[in-house]
PDB file of N, CA and C in Angstrom:
ATOM      1  N   MET A   1      -4.182 -21.160 -13.215  1.00  0.00           N
ATOM      2  CA  MET A   1      -5.067 -20.874 -11.929  1.00  0.00           C
ATOM      3  C   MET A   1      -5.496 -19.451 -12.658  1.00  0.00           C
ATOM      4  N   LYS A   2      -6.392 -18.986 -11.794  1.00  0.00           N
ATOM      5  CA  LYS A   2      -6.598 -17.605 -11.664  1.00  0.00           C
ATOM      6  C   LYS A   2      -6.772 -17.148 -10.425  1.00  0.00           C
ATOM      7  N   ILE A   3      -5.897 -15.855  -9.612  1.00  0.00           N
ATOM      8  CA  ILE A   3      -6.224 -15.162  -8.461  1.00  0.00           C
ATOM      9  C   ILE A   3      -6.635 -14.267  -8.576  1.00  0.00           C
ATOM     10  N   VAL A   4      -7.803 -13.910  -7.443  1.00  0.00           N
ATOM     11  CA  VAL A   4      -8.385 -12.560  -7.539  1.00  0.00           C
ATOM     12  C   VAL A   4      -7.644 -11.591  -6.063  1.00  0.00           C
ATOM     13  N   ALA A   5      -7.132 -10.851  -6.057  1.00  0.00           N
ATOM     14  CA  ALA A   5      -6.430  -9.681  -5.110  1.00  0.00           C
ATOM     15  C   ALA A   5      -7.803  -8.675  -4.949  1.00  0.00           C
ATOM     16  N   GLY A   6      -7.817  -8.788  -3.565  1.00  0.00           N
ATOM     17  CA  GLY A   6      -8.773  -7.237  -3.066  1.00  0.00           C
ATOM     18  C   GLY A   6      -8.039  -6.598  -2.064  1.00  0.00           C
ATOM     19  N   ILE A   7      -7.722  -5.256  -2.341  1.00  0.00           N
ATOM     20  CA  ILE A   7      -7.030  -4.473  -1.947  1.00  0.00           C
ATOM     21  C   ILE A   7      -7.937  -3.387  -1.276  1.00  0.00           C
ATOM     22  N   ASP A   8      -7.568  -3.476   0.444  1.00  0.00           N
ATOM     23  CA  ASP A   8      -8.231  -2.600   1.272  1.00  0.00           C
ATOM     24  C   ASP A   8      -7.096  -1.379   1.373  1.00  0.00           C
ATOM     25  N   PHE A   9      -7.133  -0.271   0.169  1.00  0.00           N
ATOM     26  CA  PHE A   9      -6.908   0.770   0.199  1.00  0.00           C
ATOM     27  C   PHE A   9      -7.023   2.078   1.546  1.00  0.00           C
ATOM     28  N   GLY A  10      -6.514   1.858   2.528  1.00  0.00           N
ATOM     29  CA  GLY A  10      -7.070   2.613   3.540  1.00  0.00           C
ATOM     30  C   GLY A  10      -6.095   3.763   3.694  1.00  0.00           C
ATOM     31  N   THR A  11      -6.695   4.999   4.486  1.00  0.00           N
ATOM     32  CA  THR A  11      -6.261   6.078   4.565  1.00  0.00           C
ATOM     33  C   THR A  11      -5.097   6.159   5.403  1.00  0.00           C
ATOM     34  N   SER A  12      -5.318   5.588   6.844  1.00  0.00           N
ATOM     35  CA  SER A  12      -4.289   4.775   7.506  1.00  0.00           C
ATOM     36  C   SER A  12      -3.612   3.850   7.558  1.00  0.00           C
ATOM     37  N   MET A  13      -4.126   2.079   7.085  1.00  0.00           N
ATOM     38  CA  MET A  13      -3.642   1.163   7.206  1.00  0.00           C
ATOM     39  C   MET A  13      -4.323   0.371   5.665  1.00  0.00           C
ATOM     40  N   SER A  14      -3.452  -0.326   5.378  1.00  0.00           N
ATOM     41  CA  SER A  14      -3.894  -1.462   3.900  1.00  0.00           C
ATOM     42  C   SER A  14      -3.231  -2.475   4.291  1.00  0.00           C
ATOM     43  N   MET A  15      -4.518  -3.309   3.005  1.00  0.00           N
ATOM     44  CA  MET A  15      -4.100  -4.762   3.182  1.00  0.00           C
ATOM     45  C   MET A  15      -4.601  -5.670   2.209  1.00  0.00           C
ATOM     46  N   ILE A  16      -4.349  -6.690   1.843  1.00  0.00           N
ATOM     47  CA  ILE A  16      -4.363  -7.393   0.413  1.00  0.00           C
ATOM     48  C   ILE A  16      -4.643  -9.009   0.790  1.00  0.00           C
ATOM     49  N   GLN A  17      -6.045  -9.319   0.311  1.00  0.00           N
ATOM     50  CA  GLN A  17      -6.533 -10.566   0.323  1.00  0.00           C
ATOM     51  C   GLN A  17      -6.480 -10.881  -0.717  1.00  0.00           C
ATOM     52  N   THR A  18      -6.330 -12.530  -0.892  1.00  0.00           N
ATOM     53  CA  THR A  18      -6.596 -13.389  -2.174  1.00  0.00           C
ATOM     54  C   THR A  18      -7.426 -14.796  -2.108  1.00  0.00           C
ATOM     55  N   LEU A  19      -7.792 -14.602  -3.169  1.00  0.00           N
ATOM     56  CA  LEU A  19      -8.743 -15.759  -3.568  1.00  0.00           C
ATOM     57  C   LEU A  19      -8.536 -16.395  -4.630  1.00  0.00           C
ATOM     58  N   ASP A  20      -8.491 -17.554  -4.619  1.00  0.00           N
ATOM     59  CA  ASP A  20      -8.253 -18.877  -5.982  1.00  0.00           C
ATOM     60  C   ASP A  20      -9.438 -18.965  -6.519  1.00  0.00           C
ATOM     61  N   HIS A  21      -9.489 -18.232  -7.800  1.00  0.00           N
ATOM     62  CA  HIS A  21     -10.744 -17.884  -8.225  1.00  0.00           C
ATOM     63  C   HIS A  21     -11.392 -19.325  -8.970  1.00  0.00           C
ATOM     64  N   ASP A  22     -10.208 -20.446  -9.275  1.00  0.00           N
ATOM     65  CA  ASP A  22     -10.782 -21.740  -9.894  1.00  0.00           C
ATOM     66  C   ASP A  22     -11.310 -22.442  -8.817  1.00  0.00           C
ATOM     67  N   SER A  23     -11.128 -22.152  -7.037  1.00  0.00           N
ATOM     68  CA  SER A  23     -11.345 -23.005  -5.998  1.00  0.00           C
ATOM     69  C   SER A  23     -12.976 -22.754  -6.094  1.00  0.00           C
ATOM     70  N   ASP A  24     -13.782 -24.272  -5.760  1.00  0.00           N
ATOM     71  CA  ASP A  24     -15.139 -24.209  -5.486  1.00  0.00           C
ATOM     72  C   ASP A  24     -15.569 -23.349  -4.533  1.00  0.00           C
ATOM     73  N   GLN A  25     -14.481 -22.911  -3.457  1.00  0.00           N
ATOM     74  CA  GLN A  25     -15.388 -22.211  -2.118  1.00  0.00           C
ATOM     75  C   GLN A  25     -14.988 -20.858  -2.599  1.00  0.00           C
ATOM     76  N   THR A  26     -15.765 -20.262  -2.263  1.00  0.00           N
ATOM     77  CA  THR A  26     -16.252 -18.535  -2.209  1.00  0.00           C
ATOM     78  C   THR A  26     -16.345 -17.960  -1.253  1.00  0.00           C
ATOM     79  N   ASP A  27     -16.176 -18.509   0.109  1.00  0.00           N
ATOM     80  CA  ASP A  27     -16.577 -17.843   1.283  1.00  0.00           C
ATOM     81  C   ASP A  27     -15.109 -17.287   2.009  1.00  0.00           C
ATOM     82  N   ALA A  28     -15.742 -16.562   2.780  1.00  0.00           N
ATOM     83  CA  ALA A  28     -14.287 -15.587   3.256  1.00  0.00           C
ATOM     84  C   ALA A  28     -13.182 -16.822   3.954  1.00  0.00           C
ATOM     85  N   LEU A  29     -13.639 -17.810   4.339  1.00  0.00           N
ATOM     86  CA  LEU A  29     -12.621 -19.024   5.104  1.00  0.00           C
ATOM     87  C   LEU A  29     -11.261 -19.221   3.543  1.00  0.00           C
ATOM     88  N   ALA A  30     -11.607 -19.050   2.393  1.00  0.00           N
ATOM     89  CA  ALA A  30     -10.772 -19.446   1.586  1.00  0.00           C
ATOM     90  C   ALA A  30      -9.869 -18.021   0.798  1.00  0.00           C
ATOM     91  N   CYS A  31     -10.195 -17.167   1.781  1.00  0.00           N
ATOM     92  CA  CYS A  31      -9.523 -15.957   1.324  1.00  0.00           C
ATOM     93  C   CYS A  31      -8.140 -16.108   2.118  1.00  0.00           C
ATOM     94  N   ARG A  32      -7.049 -15.587   1.854  1.00  0.00           N
ATOM     95  CA  ARG A  32      -5.574 -15.722   2.461  1.00  0.00           C
ATOM     96  C   ARG A  32      -5.235 -14.491   2.185  1.00  0.00           C
ATOM     97  N   THR A  33      -4.673 -13.845   3.411  1.00  0.00           N
ATOM     98  CA  THR A  33      -4.693 -12.568   3.821  1.00  0.00           C
ATOM     99  C   THR A  33      -2.769 -12.528   3.433  1.00  0.00           C
ATOM    100  N   VAL A  34      -2.422 -11.615   2.708  1.00  0.00           N
ATOM    101  CA  VAL A  34      -0.933 -11.350   2.069  1.00  0.00           C
ATOM    102  C   VAL A  34      -0.396 -11.001   3.610  1.00  0.00           C
ATOM    103  N   ARG A  35       0.747 -11.361   4.034  1.00  0.00           N
ATOM    104  CA  ARG A  35       1.348 -10.856   5.307  1.00  0.00           C
ATOM    105  C   ARG A  35       2.686  -9.934   4.733  1.00  0.00           C
ATOM    106  N   PHE A  36       2.759  -8.978   5.241  1.00  0.00           N
ATOM    107  CA  PHE A  36       3.690  -7.789   4.881  1.00  0.00           C
ATOM    108  C   PHE A  36       5.119  -8.302   5.675  1.00  0.00           C
ATOM    109  N   THR A  37       6.161  -7.938   4.883  1.00  0.00           N
ATOM    110  CA  THR A  37       7.787  -8.657   4.682  1.00  0.00           C
ATOM    111  C   THR A  37       8.263  -8.098   6.331  1.00  0.00           C
ATOM    112  N   GLN A  38       8.108  -7.123   6.886  1.00  0.00           N
ATOM    113  CA  GLN A  38       8.395  -6.778   7.948  1.00  0.00           C
ATOM    114  C   GLN A  38       8.119  -7.109   9.334  1.00  0.00           C
ATOM    115  N   SER A  39       6.954  -7.437   9.538  1.00  0.00           N
ATOM    116  CA  SER A  39       6.586  -8.199  10.580  1.00  0.00           C
ATOM    117  C   SER A  39       5.176  -9.183  10.646  1.00  0.00           C
ATOM    118  N   ALA A  40       5.010  -9.354   9.305  1.00  0.00           N
ATOM    119  CA  ALA A  40       4.211 -10.704   8.840  1.00  0.00           C
ATOM    120  C   ALA A  40       2.758 -10.437   9.614  1.00  0.00           C
ATOM    121  N   GLN A  41       2.410  -8.787   9.399  1.00  0.00           N
ATOM    122  CA  GLN A  41       1.395  -8.167   9.921  1.00  0.00           C
ATOM    123  C   GLN A  41       0.317  -8.372   8.818  1.00  0.00           C
ATOM    124  N   ALA A  42      -1.087  -8.551   8.954  1.00  0.00           N
ATOM    125  CA  ALA A  42      -2.398  -8.645   8.104  1.00  0.00           C
ATOM    126  C   ALA A  42      -2.543  -7.180   7.462  1.00  0.00           C
ATOM    127  N   ALA A  43      -1.890  -6.278   8.250  1.00  0.00           N
ATOM    128  CA  ALA A  43      -2.104  -4.916   7.586  1.00  0.00           C
ATOM    129  C   ALA A  43      -0.978  -3.928   7.515  1.00  0.00           C
ATOM    130  N   THR A  44      -0.693  -3.078   6.588  1.00  0.00           N
ATOM    131  CA  THR A  44       0.562  -2.031   6.731  1.00  0.00           C
ATOM    132  C   THR A  44       0.056  -0.719   6.772  1.00  0.00           C
ATOM    133  N   PRO A  45       0.856  -0.132   7.203  1.00  0.00           N
ATOM    134  CA  PRO A  45       0.731   1.534   7.817  1.00  0.00           C
ATOM    135  C   PRO A  45       0.472   2.122   6.059  1.00  0.00           C
ATOM    136  N   THR A  46      -0.001   2.840   5.835  1.00  0.00           N
ATOM    137  CA  THR A  46      -0.025   3.434   4.405  1.00  0.00           C
ATOM    138  C   THR A  46       0.878   4.656   4.478  1.00  0.00           C
ATOM    139  N   LEU A  47       1.894   4.550   4.310  1.00  0.00           N
ATOM    140  CA  LEU A  47       3.051   5.602   4.448  1.00  0.00           C
ATOM    141  C   LEU A  47       3.880   5.434   3.447  1.00  0.00           C
ATOM    142  N   VAL A  48       4.388   6.738   2.952  1.00  0.00           N
ATOM    143  CA  VAL A  48       5.345   6.468   1.629  1.00  0.00           C
ATOM    144  C   VAL A  48       6.323   7.368   2.162  1.00  0.00           C
ATOM    145  N   ARG A  49       7.681   7.296   2.109  1.00  0.00           N
ATOM    146  CA  ARG A  49       9.044   8.023   3.000  1.00  0.00           C
ATOM    147  C   ARG A  49       9.896   7.943   1.622  1.00  0.00           C
ATOM    148  N   MET A  50      10.271   9.487   1.027  1.00  0.00           N
ATOM    149  CA  MET A  50      11.329   9.557   0.265  1.00  0.00           C
ATOM    150  C   MET A  50      12.141  10.673   0.144  1.00  0.00           C
ATOM    151  N   ASP A  51      13.477   9.958   0.440  1.00  0.00           N
ATOM    152  CA  ASP A  51      14.438  11.159   0.108  1.00  0.00           C
ATOM    153  C   ASP A  51      14.997  11.473  -1.086  1.00  0.00           C
ATOM    154  N   ARG A  52      15.008  12.497  -1.361  1.00  0.00           N
ATOM    155  CA  ARG A  52      14.929  13.227  -2.460  1.00  0.00           C
ATOM    156  C   ARG A  52      16.444  13.031  -2.871  1.00  0.00           C
ATOM    157  N   ALA A  53      17.185  13.337  -1.965  1.00  0.00           N
ATOM    158  CA  ALA A  53      18.758  13.414  -2.352  1.00  0.00           C
ATOM    159  C   ALA A  53      19.134  12.021  -2.696  1.00  0.00           C
ATOM    160  N   SER A  54      19.072  11.075  -1.879  1.00  0.00           N
ATOM    161  CA  SER A  54      19.669   9.983  -2.091  1.00  0.00           C
ATOM    162  C   SER A  54      18.876   8.998  -3.172  1.00  0.00           C
ATOM    163  N   GLY A  55      17.293   9.454  -3.174  1.00  0.00           N
ATOM    164  CA  GLY A  55      16.298   8.871  -4.217  1.00  0.00           C
ATOM    165  C   GLY A  55      16.106   7.473  -3.294  1.00  0.00           C
ATOM    166  N   ALA A  56      15.860   6.993  -2.052  1.00  0.00           N
ATOM    167  CA  ALA A  56      15.986   6.113  -1.236  1.00  0.00           C
ATOM    168  C   ALA A  56      14.199   6.148  -1.297  1.00  0.00           C
ATOM    169  N   GLU A  57      13.349   5.036  -1.260  1.00  0.00           N
ATOM    170  CA  GLU A  57      11.828   4.981  -0.343  1.00  0.00           C
ATOM    171  C   GLU A  57      11.788   4.080   0.055  1.00  0.00           C
ATOM    172  N   SER A  58      10.807   4.541   0.900  1.00  0.00           N
ATOM    173  CA  SER A  58      10.734   3.153   1.964  1.00  0.00           C
ATOM    174  C   SER A  58       8.730   3.544   2.176  1.00  0.00           C
ATOM    175  N   PHE A  59       8.192   2.193   2.602  1.00  0.00           N
ATOM    176  CA  PHE A  59       6.809   2.127   2.333  1.00  0.00           C
ATOM    177  C   PHE A  59       6.350   1.570   3.767  1.00  0.00           C
ATOM    178  N   GLY A  60       5.271   1.764   4.316  1.00  0.00           N
ATOM    179  CA  GLY A  60       4.626   1.173   5.378  1.00  0.00           C
ATOM    180  C   GLY A  60       5.241   0.987   6.752  1.00  0.00           C
ATOM    181  N   GLU A  61       5.331  -0.006   7.551  1.00  0.00           N
ATOM    182  CA  GLU A  61       6.706   0.156   8.435  1.00  0.00           C
ATOM    183  C   GLU A  61       7.787   0.677   8.720  1.00  0.00           C
ATOM    184  N   GLU A  62       8.696   0.340   7.531  1.00  0.00           N
ATOM    185  CA  GLU A  62      10.154   0.864   6.979  1.00  0.00           C
ATOM    186  C   GLU A  62      10.235   2.302   7.268  1.00  0.00           C
ATOM    187  N   ALA A  63       8.603   3.039   6.465  1.00  0.00           N
ATOM    188  CA  ALA A  63       8.529   4.717   6.413  1.00  0.00           C
ATOM    189  C   ALA A  63       8.412   4.802   7.682  1.00  0.00           C
ATOM    190  N   GLN A  64       7.753   4.290   8.447  1.00  0.00           N
ATOM    191  CA  GLN A  64       7.225   5.079   9.512  1.00  0.00           C
ATOM    192  C   GLN A  64       8.772   4.899  10.636  1.00  0.00           C
ATOM    193  N   THR A  65       9.389   4.095  10.285  1.00  0.00           N
ATOM    194  CA  THR A  65      10.746   3.875  11.363  1.00  0.00           C
ATOM    195  C   THR A  65      11.733   5.071  10.737  1.00  0.00           C
ATOM    196  N   ALA A  66      11.892   4.911   9.606  1.00  0.00           N
ATOM    197  CA  ALA A  66      13.052   5.437   8.906  1.00  0.00           C
ATOM    198  C   ALA A  66      13.283   7.247   9.391  1.00  0.00           C
ATOM    199  N   HIS A  67      14.135   7.650   9.705  1.00  0.00           N
ATOM    200  CA  HIS A  67      14.539   9.181   9.866  1.00  0.00           C
ATOM    201  C   HIS A  67      14.922  10.203   8.981  1.00  0.00           C
ATOM    202  N   GLU A  68      15.553   9.645   7.541  1.00  0.00           N
ATOM    203  CA  GLU A  68      16.050  10.504   6.192  1.00  0.00           C
ATOM    204  C   GLU A  68      14.328  10.564   5.609  1.00  0.00           C
ATOM    205  N   GLY A  69      14.562  11.873   4.927  1.00  0.00           N
ATOM    206  CA  GLY A  69      13.304  11.941   3.807  1.00  0.00           C
ATOM    207  C   GLY A  69      12.129  12.562   4.416  1.00  0.00           C
ATOM    208  N   VAL A  70      11.036  12.531   3.450  1.00  0.00           N
ATOM    209  CA  VAL A  70       9.685  13.217   4.016  1.00  0.00           C
ATOM    210  C   VAL A  70       9.046  12.248   3.619  1.00  0.00           C
ATOM    211  N   LEU A  71       8.218  12.114   5.102  1.00  0.00           N
ATOM    212  CA  LEU A  71       7.062  11.104   5.170  1.00  0.00           C
ATOM    213  C   LEU A  71       5.783  11.641   4.853  1.00  0.00           C
ATOM    214  N   TYR A  72       5.112  10.957   3.970  1.00  0.00           N
ATOM    215  CA  TYR A  72       3.587  11.169   3.218  1.00  0.00           C
ATOM    216  C   TYR A  72       2.901  10.291   4.233  1.00  0.00           C
ATOM    217  N   GLU A  73       1.818  10.903   4.662  1.00  0.00           N
ATOM    218  CA  GLU A  73       0.998   9.982   4.964  1.00  0.00           C
ATOM    219  C   GLU A  73      -0.588  10.924   4.501  1.00  0.00           C
ATOM    220  N   ASN A  74      -1.702   9.768   4.866  1.00  0.00           N
ATOM    221  CA  ASN A  74      -2.952  10.775   4.226  1.00  0.00           C
ATOM    222  C   ASN A  74      -2.914  11.123   3.118  1.00  0.00           C
ATOM    223  N   PHE A  75      -2.260  10.603   2.203  1.00  0.00           N
ATOM    224  CA  PHE A  75      -2.064  11.361   0.610  1.00  0.00           C
ATOM    225  C   PHE A  75      -3.386  11.288   0.212  1.00  0.00           C
ATOM    226  N   LYS A  76      -4.087   9.707   0.473  1.00  0.00           N
ATOM    227  CA  LYS A  76      -5.406   9.310  -0.420  1.00  0.00           C
ATOM    228  C   LYS A  76      -6.080  10.632  -0.219  1.00  0.00           C
ATOM    229  N   LEU A  77      -6.150  11.324   0.720  1.00  0.00           N
ATOM    230  CA  LEU A  77      -7.152  12.438   0.709  1.00  0.00           C
ATOM    231  C   LEU A  77      -7.027  13.325  -0.180  1.00  0.00           C
ATOM    232  N   ASP A  78      -5.823  13.644  -0.901  1.00  0.00           N
ATOM    233  CA  ASP A  78      -5.340  14.492  -1.623  1.00  0.00           C
ATOM    234  C   ASP A  78      -5.867  14.150  -3.232  1.00  0.00           C
ATOM    235  N   LEU A  79      -6.311  13.042  -3.414  1.00  0.00           N
ATOM    236  CA  LEU A  79      -6.498  12.541  -4.557  1.00  0.00           C
ATOM    237  C   LEU A  79      -8.027  13.310  -4.976  1.00  0.00           C
ATOM    238  N   TRP A  80      -8.499  13.914  -4.439  1.00  0.00           N
ATOM    239  CA  TRP A  80      -9.858  14.604  -4.245  1.00  0.00           C
ATOM    240  C   TRP A  80      -9.574  16.157  -4.332  1.00  0.00           C
ATOM    241  N   ASN A  81      -8.514  16.535  -3.671  1.00  0.00           N
ATOM    242  CA  ASN A  81      -8.030  17.652  -3.446  1.00  0.00           C
ATOM    243  C   ASN A  81      -8.499  18.751  -4.358  1.00  0.00           C
ATOM    244  N   GLY A  82      -8.719  20.223  -4.472  1.00  0.00           N
ATOM    245  CA  GLY A  82      -8.868  20.883  -5.587  1.00  0.00           C
ATOM    246  C   GLY A  82      -7.377  21.754  -6.160  1.00  0.00           C
ATOM    247  N   ASP A  83      -6.703  21.530  -5.454  1.00  0.00           N
ATOM    248  CA  ASP A  83      -5.358  21.761  -5.764  1.00  0.00           C
ATOM    249  C   ASP A  83      -4.537  20.535  -6.791  1.00  0.00           C
ATOM    250  N   ALA A  84      -4.569  21.158  -8.053  1.00  0.00           N
ATOM    251  CA  ALA A  84      -3.686  20.389  -9.106  1.00  0.00           C
ATOM    252  C   ALA A  84      -2.545  19.960  -8.896  1.00  0.00           C
ATOM    253  N   LYS A  85      -1.633  20.545  -8.133  1.00  0.00           N
ATOM    254  CA  LYS A  85      -0.182  20.394  -7.906  1.00  0.00           C
ATOM    255  C   LYS A  85      -0.415  18.919  -6.735  1.00  0.00           C
ATOM    256  N   LYS A  86      -1.423  19.034  -5.594  1.00  0.00           N
ATOM    257  CA  LYS A  86      -1.367  18.346  -4.598  1.00  0.00           C
ATOM    258  C   LYS A  86      -2.294  16.497  -5.165  1.00  0.00           C
ATOM    259  N   GLN A  87      -3.098  16.978  -6.138  1.00  0.00           N
ATOM    260  CA  GLN A  87      -3.762  15.932  -6.791  1.00  0.00           C
ATOM    261  C   GLN A  87      -2.446  15.182  -7.179  1.00  0.00           C
ATOM    262  N   GLN A  88      -1.836  15.839  -8.374  1.00  0.00           N
ATOM    263  CA  GLN A  88      -0.677  15.168  -8.827  1.00  0.00           C
ATOM    264  C   GLN A  88       0.347  14.275  -8.177  1.00  0.00           C
ATOM    265  N   GLN A  89       0.731  15.112  -6.835  1.00  0.00           N
ATOM    266  CA  GLN A  89       1.589  14.535  -6.098  1.00  0.00           C
ATOM    267  C   GLN A  89       0.932  13.186  -5.245  1.00  0.00           C
ATOM    268  N   ALA A  90      -0.511  13.336  -4.770  1.00  0.00           N
ATOM    269  CA  ALA A  90      -1.130  12.151  -4.403  1.00  0.00           C
ATOM    270  C   ALA A  90      -1.153  11.022  -5.291  1.00  0.00           C
ATOM    271  N   GLN A  91      -1.204  11.129  -6.513  1.00  0.00           N
ATOM    272  CA  GLN A  91      -1.338  10.147  -8.083  1.00  0.00           C
ATOM    273  C   GLN A  91       0.021   9.270  -7.876  1.00  0.00           C
ATOM    274  N   GLU A  92       0.951  10.181  -7.559  1.00  0.00           N
ATOM    275  CA  GLU A  92       2.572   9.488  -7.500  1.00  0.00           C
ATOM    276  C   GLU A  92       2.646   8.846  -6.821  1.00  0.00           C
ATOM    277  N   LEU A  93       2.269   9.393  -5.485  1.00  0.00           N
ATOM    278  CA  LEU A  93       2.396   8.499  -4.488  1.00  0.00           C
ATOM    279  C   LEU A  93       1.568   7.037  -4.072  1.00  0.00           C
ATOM    280  N   VAL A  94       0.154   7.310  -4.383  1.00  0.00           N
ATOM    281  CA  VAL A  94      -0.775   6.152  -4.794  1.00  0.00           C
ATOM    282  C   VAL A  94      -0.103   4.986  -5.844  1.00  0.00           C
ATOM    283  N   GLU A  95       0.618   5.491  -6.789  1.00  0.00           N
ATOM    284  CA  GLU A  95       1.595   4.485  -7.474  1.00  0.00           C
ATOM    285  C   GLU A  95       2.515   4.169  -7.035  1.00  0.00           C
ATOM    286  N   ARG A  96       3.413   4.830  -6.150  1.00  0.00           N
ATOM    287  CA  ARG A  96       4.744   4.098  -5.702  1.00  0.00           C
ATOM    288  C   ARG A  96       4.063   3.042  -4.398  1.00  0.00           C
ATOM    289  N   PHE A  97       3.134   3.640  -3.914  1.00  0.00           N
ATOM    290  CA  PHE A  97       2.685   2.530  -2.481  1.00  0.00           C
ATOM    291  C   PHE A  97       1.983   1.101  -3.663  1.00  0.00           C
ATOM    292  N   PHE A  98       1.369   1.166  -4.269  1.00  0.00           N
ATOM    293  CA  PHE A  98       0.748  -0.097  -5.000  1.00  0.00           C
ATOM    294  C   PHE A  98       1.665  -0.488  -5.616  1.00  0.00           C
ATOM    295  N   ARG A  99       2.708  -0.140  -6.265  1.00  0.00           N
ATOM    296  CA  ARG A  99       3.964  -0.757  -6.724  1.00  0.00           C
ATOM    297  C   ARG A  99       4.380  -1.333  -5.417  1.00  0.00           C
ATOM    298  N   TYR A 100       4.621  -0.905  -4.488  1.00  0.00           N
ATOM    299  CA  TYR A 100       4.800  -1.380  -2.736  1.00  0.00           C
ATOM    300  C   TYR A 100       4.096  -3.052  -2.585  1.00  0.00           C
ATOM    301  N   LEU A 101       2.721  -2.580  -2.386  1.00  0.00           N
ATOM    302  CA  LEU A 101       1.698  -3.691  -2.365  1.00  0.00           C
ATOM    303  C   LEU A 101       2.065  -4.753  -3.204  1.00  0.00           C
ATOM    304  N   PHE A 102       1.869  -4.609  -4.532  1.00  0.00           N
ATOM    305  CA  PHE A 102       2.294  -5.420  -5.551  1.00  0.00           C
ATOM    306  C   PHE A 102       3.501  -6.446  -5.166  1.00  0.00           C
ATOM    307  N   ILE A 103       4.722  -5.737  -5.061  1.00  0.00           N
ATOM    308  CA  ILE A 103       5.789  -6.591  -4.676  1.00  0.00           C
ATOM    309  C   ILE A 103       5.711  -7.285  -3.052  1.00  0.00           C
ATOM    310  N   CYS A 104       4.739  -6.808  -2.343  1.00  0.00           N
ATOM    311  CA  CYS A 104       4.594  -7.553  -1.168  1.00  0.00           C
ATOM    312  C   CYS A 104       3.800  -9.127  -1.812  1.00  0.00           C
ATOM    313  N   TYR A 105       2.759  -8.683  -2.637  1.00  0.00           N
ATOM    314  CA  TYR A 105       2.336  -9.863  -3.139  1.00  0.00           C
ATOM    315  C   TYR A 105       2.629 -11.006  -3.498  1.00  0.00           C
TER     316      TYR A 105
END
């Protein structure tokens, strides 16, 4: 069985939908929405919080409510920033966030 996953990687919210590729149905009704662990919501905030001292990371709603570490938001926009350092940091944050999405999937 092949599953096709579509990711809406938004600036403020992100979501995942899947479709069984072997299915005869290809309409939107056959899509399944991935629910995120904290609240079973269809979308999660596009946020990463990192506490470099402890090495702790949190994502989505958990990053929103945590108090320790640095909160990164709107990092997607820095992928096209002219500043190489900001671009590199944005790439790292995107990789970490996509790992989180994969785990939720």
